[in-house]
């Protein structure tokens, strides 16, 4: 089955976010602002990569299965997911960086807070 263009884009965005996060964490230049993902970061790089991958691959897989019966609905959901992911990432990044207190970040957004 061929993946929808939107599924590819969402997967690419999520993968880029995951790899950028892992790279910045490894360099000590950031910390995970999402408390759920921070739990996996604390467990190690492989746990973080596995959890992050599962949390975007599984929904895309399910949506691709549903797309056979509801192509327009799934297309709309995927496009909304792309937009919301980018918006929440951007807003969260701005909030974390404007606040400047990366140690006490409690944002639900999956963004990075620069370490001081």
Protein backbone atom coordinates (compact mmCIF):
# COMPACT_ATOMS: atom_id res chain seq x y z
CA UNK A 1 0.00 0.00 0.00
CA UNK A 2 1.32 3.41 -0.99
CA UNK A 3 1.46 5.97 1.83
CA UNK A 4 -0.39 9.24 1.45
CA UNK A 5 1.75 12.30 0.79
CA UNK A 6 0.53 13.76 4.09
CA UNK A 7 1.67 10.65 5.97
CA UNK A 8 5.14 11.05 4.49
CA UNK A 9 5.24 14.73 5.48
CA UNK A 10 4.05 14.07 9.02
CA UNK A 11 6.54 11.24 9.40
CA UNK A 12 9.34 13.42 8.06
CA UNK A 13 8.49 16.28 10.43
CA UNK A 14 8.29 13.92 13.42
CA UNK A 15 11.56 12.23 12.46
CA UNK A 16 13.32 15.58 12.06
CA UNK A 17 12.02 16.68 15.48
CA UNK A 18 13.17 13.41 17.05
CA UNK A 19 16.65 13.52 15.50
CA UNK A 20 17.16 17.21 16.28
CA UNK A 21 16.08 16.60 19.86
CA UNK A 22 18.42 13.61 20.22
CA UNK A 23 21.34 15.54 18.70
CA UNK A 24 20.85 18.60 20.93
CA UNK A 25 20.38 16.42 24.01
CA UNK A 26 23.58 14.52 23.25
CA UNK A 27 25.48 17.81 22.90
CA UNK A 28 24.05 19.08 26.18
CA UNK A 29 22.51 22.08 24.42
CA UNK A 30 18.90 21.35 25.29
CA UNK A 31 16.56 19.37 27.47
CA UNK A 32 13.22 17.83 26.63
CA UNK A 33 10.39 20.14 27.67
CA UNK A 34 7.65 17.50 27.37
CA UNK A 35 7.45 15.75 30.76
CA UNK A 36 6.27 12.48 29.20
CA UNK A 37 9.14 12.37 26.72
CA UNK A 38 11.56 13.56 29.42
CA UNK A 39 10.80 10.30 31.26
CA UNK A 40 12.11 8.36 28.25
CA UNK A 41 15.09 10.70 27.84
CA UNK A 42 16.02 9.88 31.43
CA UNK A 43 15.90 6.16 30.50
CA UNK A 44 18.46 6.70 27.74
CA UNK A 45 18.75 7.57 24.08
CA UNK A 46 17.40 4.26 22.77
CA UNK A 47 14.33 4.44 25.03
CA UNK A 48 13.67 8.00 23.84
CA UNK A 49 14.06 7.08 20.16
CA UNK A 50 11.83 4.01 20.55
CA UNK A 51 9.09 5.88 22.42
CA UNK A 52 9.14 8.87 20.08
CA UNK A 53 9.07 6.61 17.01
CA UNK A 54 6.19 4.54 18.36
CA UNK A 55 4.20 7.66 19.20
CA UNK A 56 4.18 8.86 15.62
CA UNK A 57 4.49 5.68 13.55
CA UNK A 58 1.55 3.90 15.22
CA UNK A 59 -0.99 6.70 14.58
CA UNK A 60 0.18 7.11 10.98
CA UNK A 61 -0.15 3.35 10.47
CA UNK A 62 -3.69 3.35 11.87
CA UNK A 63 -4.68 6.35 9.76
CA UNK A 64 -3.31 4.65 6.65
CA UNK A 65 -5.50 1.62 7.38
CA UNK A 66 -8.55 3.84 7.81
CA UNK A 67 -7.68 5.78 4.64
CA UNK A 68 -8.88 2.86 2.52
CA UNK A 69 -12.46 3.50 3.66
CA UNK A 70 -12.32 7.25 4.43
CA UNK A 71 -9.64 8.86 2.22
CA UNK A 72 -10.89 12.46 2.50
CA UNK A 73 -11.36 12.27 6.27
CA UNK A 74 -7.89 10.83 6.80
CA UNK A 75 -6.37 13.43 4.47
CA UNK A 76 -8.00 16.17 6.53
CA UNK A 77 -6.85 14.62 9.82
CA UNK A 78 -3.28 14.26 8.55
CA UNK A 79 -3.19 17.84 7.27
CA UNK A 80 -4.54 19.08 10.58
CA UNK A 81 -1.93 16.96 12.38
CA UNK A 82 0.87 18.50 10.32
CA UNK A 83 -0.39 22.03 10.97
CA UNK A 84 -0.93 21.45 14.69
CA UNK A 85 2.47 19.79 15.10
CA UNK A 86 4.26 22.71 13.45
CA UNK A 87 2.22 25.32 15.33
CA UNK A 88 2.68 23.67 18.73
CA UNK A 89 6.39 23.18 18.10
CA UNK A 90 6.82 26.82 17.10
CA UNK A 91 4.73 28.26 19.93
CA UNK A 92 6.30 25.95 22.49
CA UNK A 93 9.81 26.83 21.34
CA UNK A 94 9.03 30.54 21.57
CA UNK A 95 7.53 30.15 25.04
CA UNK A 96 10.43 28.12 26.38
CA UNK A 97 13.05 30.45 24.96
CA UNK A 98 11.21 33.62 26.03
CA UNK A 99 10.80 32.29 29.55
CA UNK A 100 14.45 31.34 29.85
CA UNK A 101 14.01 28.93 32.78
CA UNK A 102 14.72 25.60 31.12
CA UNK A 103 15.16 23.72 34.40
CA UNK A 104 11.56 24.22 35.46
CA UNK A 105 9.83 23.89 32.10
CA UNK A 106 6.42 22.22 32.35
CA UNK A 107 5.23 22.70 28.78
CA UNK A 108 3.15 19.92 27.24
CA UNK A 109 4.70 20.75 23.88
CA UNK A 110 7.45 18.55 22.55
CA UNK A 111 9.97 21.33 22.31
CA UNK A 112 13.46 21.95 23.50
CA UNK A 113 14.55 24.31 26.20
CA UNK A 114 18.11 25.61 25.92
CA UNK A 115 20.25 24.60 28.86
CA UNK A 116 21.93 27.34 30.81
